[in-house]
């Protein structure tokens, strides 16, 4: 039997308004249903090899986020606001467990993905683990999540220029690591020559 979703056609602001007006269970369920898949991927990336705890960390994020909805002013889109809360929960978790953030790329791949892409993804994931925690965070937040340097600076408590510098140096190091670790693949024309 399908689950009734009274807010399925509503935008996030309408759902948040309903949550604030006391229809909290259905509104909360809608926000969680709508945004959890993306948030779970983000949390799992931050936790890296410890991503088995991502669902628990995200649940903590939802508890904090739903409790903070009365303070949500709409200055950032709700998914961005909630991502920040989930990211803080993941970083808090890693601090509590004395683990450096190990940011990995999303491992979910379609059947049609060529094997070379899986190999490259594995190589990139490995190279990311060799970056400093701040550099990894900046790369994932900027290049994968699409955050601006201002958002990254605010979230990680670093200057915008520091975020840009971390990204510049991290990309350079990633290129060097990938060039060093990956054997040069011969192109089809080189193989027949």
C-alpha atoms as a PDB file:
ATOM      1  CA  UNK A   1       0.000   0.000   0.000  1.00  0.00           C
ATOM      2  CA  UNK A   2       1.539   3.330  -1.034  1.00  0.00           C
ATOM      3  CA  UNK A   3       2.368   5.837   1.683  1.00  0.00           C
ATOM      4  CA  UNK A   4       0.186   8.947   1.606  1.00  0.00           C
ATOM      5  CA  UNK A   5       2.357  12.042   1.134  1.00  0.00           C
ATOM      6  CA  UNK A   6       0.178  15.133   1.690  1.00  0.00           C
ATOM      7  CA  UNK A   7       3.093  17.450   0.855  1.00  0.00           C
ATOM      8  CA  UNK A   8       4.399  15.634  -2.224  1.00  0.00           C
ATOM      9  CA  UNK A   9       3.468  18.530  -4.533  1.00  0.00           C
ATOM     10  CA  UNK A  10       4.510  21.305  -2.108  1.00  0.00           C
ATOM     11  CA  UNK A  11       7.853  23.088  -2.297  1.00  0.00           C
ATOM     12  CA  UNK A  12      10.241  23.060   0.671  1.00  0.00           C
ATOM     13  CA  UNK A  13       9.068  26.445   1.999  1.00  0.00           C
ATOM     14  CA  UNK A  14       5.439  25.261   2.077  1.00  0.00           C
ATOM     15  CA  UNK A  15       6.466  22.074   3.887  1.00  0.00           C
ATOM     16  CA  UNK A  16       8.560  24.043   6.392  1.00  0.00           C
ATOM     17  CA  UNK A  17       5.645  26.429   7.020  1.00  0.00           C
ATOM     18  CA  UNK A  18       3.372  23.433   7.669  1.00  0.00           C
ATOM     19  CA  UNK A  19       5.982  22.024  10.064  1.00  0.00           C
ATOM     20  CA  UNK A  20       6.052  25.329  11.949  1.00  0.00           C
ATOM     21  CA  UNK A  21       2.231  25.403  12.094  1.00  0.00           C
ATOM     22  CA  UNK A  22       2.040  22.092  13.906  1.00  0.00           C
ATOM     23  CA  UNK A  23       1.578  19.566  11.100  1.00  0.00           C
ATOM     24  CA  UNK A  24       5.048  18.406  11.970  1.00  0.00           C
ATOM     25  CA  UNK A  25       4.923  14.640  11.519  1.00  0.00           C
ATOM     26  CA  UNK A  26       3.787  14.622   7.889  1.00  0.00           C
ATOM     27  CA  UNK A  27       5.947  17.649   7.047  1.00  0.00           C
ATOM     28  CA  UNK A  28       9.025  16.140   8.687  1.00  0.00           C
ATOM     29  CA  UNK A  29       8.436  12.852   6.893  1.00  0.00           C
ATOM     30  CA  UNK A  30       8.231  14.731   3.558  1.00  0.00           C
ATOM     31  CA  UNK A  31      11.469  16.657   4.140  1.00  0.00           C
ATOM     32  CA  UNK A  32      13.276  13.487   5.188  1.00  0.00           C
ATOM     33  CA  UNK A  33      11.922  11.509   2.216  1.00  0.00           C
ATOM     34  CA  UNK A  34      12.826  14.286  -0.193  1.00  0.00           C
ATOM     35  CA  UNK A  35      16.356  15.119   0.976  1.00  0.00           C
ATOM     36  CA  UNK A  36      17.806  12.051   2.722  1.00  0.00           C
ATOM     37  CA  UNK A  37      19.288  10.286  -0.332  1.00  0.00           C
ATOM     38  CA  UNK A  38      21.536  13.248  -1.218  1.00  0.00           C
ATOM     39  CA  UNK A  39      22.365  14.002   2.419  1.00  0.00           C
ATOM     40  CA  UNK A  40      23.271  10.365   3.031  1.00  0.00           C
ATOM     41  CA  UNK A  41      25.722  10.437   0.104  1.00  0.00           C
ATOM     42  CA  UNK A  42      27.327  13.610   1.481  1.00  0.00           C
ATOM     43  CA  UNK A  43      27.655  12.190   4.998  1.00  0.00           C
ATOM     44  CA  UNK A  44      29.062   8.911   3.639  1.00  0.00           C
ATOM     45  CA  UNK A  45      31.672  10.861   1.636  1.00  0.00           C
ATOM     46  CA  UNK A  46      32.783  12.703   4.749  1.00  0.00           C
ATOM     47  CA  UNK A  47      32.956   9.509   6.809  1.00  0.00           C
ATOM     48  CA  UNK A  48      34.826   7.654   4.039  1.00  0.00           C
ATOM     49  CA  UNK A  49      35.826   4.188   5.173  1.00  0.00           C
ATOM     50  CA  UNK A  50      33.596   4.669   8.225  1.00  0.00           C
ATOM     51  CA  UNK A  51      30.533   5.248   6.048  1.00  0.00           C
ATOM     52  CA  UNK A  52      28.732   2.347   7.726  1.00  0.00           C
ATOM     53  CA  UNK A  53      27.780   4.886  10.399  1.00  0.00           C
ATOM     54  CA  UNK A  54      26.386   7.373   7.863  1.00  0.00           C
ATOM     55  CA  UNK A  55      22.714   6.549   8.508  1.00  0.00           C
ATOM     56  CA  UNK A  56      23.135   7.053  12.265  1.00  0.00           C
ATOM     57  CA  UNK A  57      24.980  10.327  11.713  1.00  0.00           C
ATOM     58  CA  UNK A  58      22.321  11.520   9.274  1.00  0.00           C
ATOM     59  CA  UNK A  59      19.598  10.619  11.766  1.00  0.00           C
ATOM     60  CA  UNK A  60      21.355  12.849  14.306  1.00  0.00           C
ATOM     61  CA  UNK A  61      21.487  15.541  11.616  1.00  0.00           C
ATOM     62  CA  UNK A  62      17.743  15.299  11.050  1.00  0.00           C
ATOM     63  CA  UNK A  63      17.065  15.538  14.788  1.00  0.00           C
ATOM     64  CA  UNK A  64      19.185  18.703  14.970  1.00  0.00           C
ATOM     65  CA  UNK A  65      17.790  20.106  11.726  1.00  0.00           C
ATOM     66  CA  UNK A  66      14.132  19.569  12.589  1.00  0.00           C
ATOM     67  CA  UNK A  67      14.706  21.076  16.036  1.00  0.00           C
ATOM     68  CA  UNK A  68      16.303  24.121  14.373  1.00  0.00           C
ATOM     69  CA  UNK A  69      13.587  24.686  11.749  1.00  0.00           C
ATOM     70  CA  UNK A  70      11.993  27.461  13.836  1.00  0.00           C
ATOM     71  CA  UNK A  71      15.262  29.393  13.354  1.00  0.00           C
ATOM     72  CA  UNK A  72      15.483  28.667   9.601  1.00  0.00           C
ATOM     73  CA  UNK A  73      15.270  32.059   7.871  1.00  0.00           C
ATOM     74  CA  UNK A  74      15.430  30.903   4.257  1.00  0.00           C
ATOM     75  CA  UNK A  75      18.655  32.796   3.471  1.00  0.00           C
ATOM     76  CA  UNK A  76      20.021  29.578   1.974  1.00  0.00           C
ATOM     77  CA  UNK A  77      17.993  26.932   0.177  1.00  0.00           C
ATOM     78  CA  UNK A  78      16.745  24.285   2.591  1.00  0.00           C
ATOM     79  CA  UNK A  79      18.912  21.499   1.069  1.00  0.00           C
ATOM     80  CA  UNK A  80      22.024  23.685   1.518  1.00  0.00           C
ATOM     81  CA  UNK A  81      21.047  24.560   5.092  1.00  0.00           C
ATOM     82  CA  UNK A  82      20.369  20.915   5.933  1.00  0.00           C
ATOM     83  CA  UNK A  83      23.610  19.792   4.252  1.00  0.00           C
ATOM     84  CA  UNK A  84      25.526  22.103   6.579  1.00  0.00           C
ATOM     85  CA  UNK A  85      23.844  20.563   9.610  1.00  0.00           C
ATOM     86  CA  UNK A  86      24.511  17.018   8.365  1.00  0.00           C
ATOM     87  CA  UNK A  87      28.129  17.932   7.576  1.00  0.00           C
ATOM     88  CA  UNK A  88      28.611  19.328  11.094  1.00  0.00           C
ATOM     89  CA  UNK A  89      27.199  16.095  12.544  1.00  0.00           C
ATOM     90  CA  UNK A  90      29.610  14.034  10.430  1.00  0.00           C
ATOM     91  CA  UNK A  91      32.600  16.164  11.446  1.00  0.00           C
ATOM     92  CA  UNK A  92      31.500  16.018  15.112  1.00  0.00           C
ATOM     93  CA  UNK A  93      31.255  12.241  14.835  1.00  0.00           C
ATOM     94  CA  UNK A  94      34.774  12.022  13.423  1.00  0.00           C
ATOM     95  CA  UNK A  95      36.135  14.315  16.151  1.00  0.00           C
ATOM     96  CA  UNK A  96      34.441  12.223  18.862  1.00  0.00           C
ATOM     97  CA  UNK A  97      36.018   9.108  17.413  1.00  0.00           C
ATOM     98  CA  UNK A  98      39.394  10.765  16.704  1.00  0.00           C
ATOM     99  CA  UNK A  99      39.129  10.012  13.009  1.00  0.00           C
ATOM    100  CA  UNK A 100      40.216  12.323  10.224  1.00  0.00           C
ATOM    101  CA  UNK A 101      37.555  12.834   7.560  1.00  0.00           C
ATOM    102  CA  UNK A 102      38.145  10.424   4.704  1.00  0.00           C
ATOM    103  CA  UNK A 103      36.103  11.739   1.829  1.00  0.00           C
ATOM    104  CA  UNK A 104      35.335   9.200  -0.836  1.00  0.00           C
ATOM    105  CA  UNK A 105      33.441   9.492  -4.088  1.00  0.00           C
ATOM    106  CA  UNK A 106      30.013   7.956  -4.415  1.00  0.00           C
ATOM    107  CA  UNK A 107      30.551   4.275  -5.204  1.00  0.00           C
ATOM    108  CA  UNK A 108      27.139   3.690  -6.734  1.00  0.00           C
ATOM    109  CA  UNK A 109      27.660   3.059 -10.443  1.00  0.00           C
ATOM    110  CA  UNK A 110      25.302   2.028 -13.181  1.00  0.00           C
ATOM    111  CA  UNK A 111      25.752  -1.186 -15.129  1.00  0.00           C
ATOM    112  CA  UNK A 112      26.577   0.861 -18.228  1.00  0.00           C
ATOM    113  CA  UNK A 113      29.593   2.517 -16.598  1.00  0.00           C
ATOM    114  CA  UNK A 114      32.747   1.459 -18.417  1.00  0.00           C
ATOM    115  CA  UNK A 115      35.398  -0.362 -16.334  1.00  0.00           C
ATOM    116  CA  UNK A 116      37.929   2.444 -16.879  1.00  0.00           C
ATOM    117  CA  UNK A 117      35.622   4.835 -14.987  1.00  0.00           C
ATOM    118  CA  UNK A 118      35.493   2.468 -12.014  1.00  0.00           C
ATOM    119  CA  UNK A 119      39.276   2.217 -12.050  1.00  0.00           C
ATOM    120  CA  UNK A 120      39.623   5.981 -12.223  1.00  0.00           C
ATOM    121  CA  UNK A 121      37.098   6.420  -9.404  1.00  0.00           C
ATOM    122  CA  UNK A 122      39.071   4.016  -7.227  1.00  0.00           C
ATOM    123  CA  UNK A 123      42.301   5.858  -8.022  1.00  0.00           C
ATOM    124  CA  UNK A 124      40.718   9.220  -7.198  1.00  0.00           C
ATOM    125  CA  UNK A 125      39.281   7.890  -3.926  1.00  0.00           C
ATOM    126  CA  UNK A 126      42.720   6.606  -2.969  1.00  0.00           C
ATOM    127  CA  UNK A 127      44.368   9.902  -3.929  1.00  0.00           C
ATOM    128  CA  UNK A 128      41.802  11.858  -1.889  1.00  0.00           C
ATOM    129  CA  UNK A 129      42.781   9.940   1.244  1.00  0.00           C
ATOM    130  CA  UNK A 130      46.326  11.271   0.823  1.00  0.00           C
ATOM    131  CA  UNK A 131      45.184  14.894   1.079  1.00  0.00           C
ATOM    132  CA  UNK A 132      44.942  16.771   4.372  1.00  0.00           C
ATOM    133  CA  UNK A 133      41.474  16.738   5.967  1.00  0.00           C
ATOM    134  CA  UNK A 134      40.847  20.415   5.096  1.00  0.00           C
ATOM    135  CA  UNK A 135      42.018  19.930   1.502  1.00  0.00           C
ATOM    136  CA  UNK A 136      39.776  16.845   1.107  1.00  0.00           C
ATOM    137  CA  UNK A 137      36.825  18.715   2.548  1.00  0.00           C
ATOM    138  CA  UNK A 138      37.323  21.651   0.189  1.00  0.00           C
ATOM    139  CA  UNK A 139      37.666  19.387  -2.874  1.00  0.00           C
ATOM    140  CA  UNK A 140      34.521  17.410  -2.074  1.00  0.00           C
ATOM    141  CA  UNK A 141      32.436  20.409  -1.056  1.00  0.00           C
ATOM    142  CA  UNK A 142      33.510  22.548  -4.026  1.00  0.00           C
ATOM    143  CA  UNK A 143      34.005  20.067  -6.861  1.00  0.00           C
ATOM    144  CA  UNK A 144      31.435  17.414  -5.940  1.00  0.00           C
ATOM    145  CA  UNK A 145      28.808  19.217  -3.867  1.00  0.00           C
ATOM    146  CA  UNK A 146      29.037  22.527  -5.757  1.00  0.00           C
ATOM    147  CA  UNK A 147      29.548  24.805  -2.760  1.00  0.00           C
ATOM    148  CA  UNK A 148      31.054  28.274  -3.186  1.00  0.00           C
ATOM    149  CA  UNK A 149      34.292  29.232  -1.468  1.00  0.00           C
ATOM    150  CA  UNK A 150      32.304  31.605   0.768  1.00  0.00           C
ATOM    151  CA  UNK A 151      30.069  28.726   1.921  1.00  0.00           C
ATOM    152  CA  UNK A 152      33.079  26.471   2.462  1.00  0.00           C
ATOM    153  CA  UNK A 153      34.914  29.179   4.383  1.00  0.00           C
ATOM    154  CA  UNK A 154      31.932  29.753   6.644  1.00  0.00           C
ATOM    155  CA  UNK A 155      31.378  26.038   7.256  1.00  0.00           C
ATOM    156  CA  UNK A 156      35.026  25.129   7.896  1.00  0.00           C
ATOM    157  CA  UNK A 157      35.863  28.414   9.672  1.00  0.00           C
ATOM    158  CA  UNK A 158      38.542  29.347   7.160  1.00  0.00           C
ATOM    159  CA  UNK A 159      39.011  32.410   4.971  1.00  0.00           C
ATOM    160  CA  UNK A 160      37.741  32.361   1.389  1.00  0.00           C
ATOM    161  CA  UNK A 161      41.347  32.740   0.205  1.00  0.00           C
ATOM    162  CA  UNK A 162      42.361  29.738   2.303  1.00  0.00           C
ATOM    163  CA  UNK A 163      39.579  27.692   0.717  1.00  0.00           C
ATOM    164  CA  UNK A 164      40.783  28.701  -2.747  1.00  0.00           C
ATOM    165  CA  UNK A 165      44.388  27.899  -1.833  1.00  0.00           C
ATOM    166  CA  UNK A 166      43.420  24.484  -0.413  1.00  0.00           C
ATOM    167  CA  UNK A 167      41.518  23.714  -3.629  1.00  0.00           C
ATOM    168  CA  UNK A 168      44.369  24.866  -5.879  1.00  0.00           C
ATOM    169  CA  UNK A 169      47.011  22.861  -4.003  1.00  0.00           C
ATOM    170  CA  UNK A 170      44.723  19.835  -3.594  1.00  0.00           C
ATOM    171  CA  UNK A 171      43.969  19.686  -7.315  1.00  0.00           C
ATOM    172  CA  UNK A 172      47.671  19.987  -8.129  1.00  0.00           C
ATOM    173  CA  UNK A 173      48.509  17.200  -5.671  1.00  0.00           C
ATOM    174  CA  UNK A 174      45.678  15.021  -7.016  1.00  0.00           C
ATOM    175  CA  UNK A 175      46.969  15.462 -10.580  1.00  0.00           C
ATOM    176  CA  UNK A 176      50.491  14.516  -9.463  1.00  0.00           C
ATOM    177  CA  UNK A 177      49.273  11.508  -7.471  1.00  0.00           C
ATOM    178  CA  UNK A 178      47.110  10.267 -10.315  1.00  0.00           C
ATOM    179  CA  UNK A 179      49.879  10.752 -12.882  1.00  0.00           C
ATOM    180  CA  UNK A 180      52.327   8.889 -10.652  1.00  0.00           C
ATOM    181  CA  UNK A 181      50.022   6.066  -9.554  1.00  0.00           C
ATOM    182  CA  UNK A 182      48.188   5.374 -12.798  1.00  0.00           C
ATOM    183  CA  UNK A 183      50.131   3.709 -15.572  1.00  0.00           C
ATOM    184  CA  UNK A 184      49.849   5.518 -18.865  1.00  0.00           C
ATOM    185  CA  UNK A 185      47.194   3.788 -20.878  1.00  0.00           C
ATOM    186  CA  UNK A 186      48.111   3.326 -24.479  1.00  0.00           C
ATOM    187  CA  UNK A 187      45.643   4.764 -26.926  1.00  0.00           C
ATOM    188  CA  UNK A 188      44.350   2.430 -29.664  1.00  0.00           C
ATOM    189  CA  UNK A 189      46.517   4.181 -32.268  1.00  0.00           C
ATOM    190  CA  UNK A 190      49.638   3.654 -30.155  1.00  0.00           C
ATOM    191  CA  UNK A 191      48.883  -0.056 -29.758  1.00  0.00           C
ATOM    192  CA  UNK A 192      48.645  -0.636 -33.496  1.00  0.00           C
ATOM    193  CA  UNK A 193      51.665   1.474 -34.389  1.00  0.00           C
END
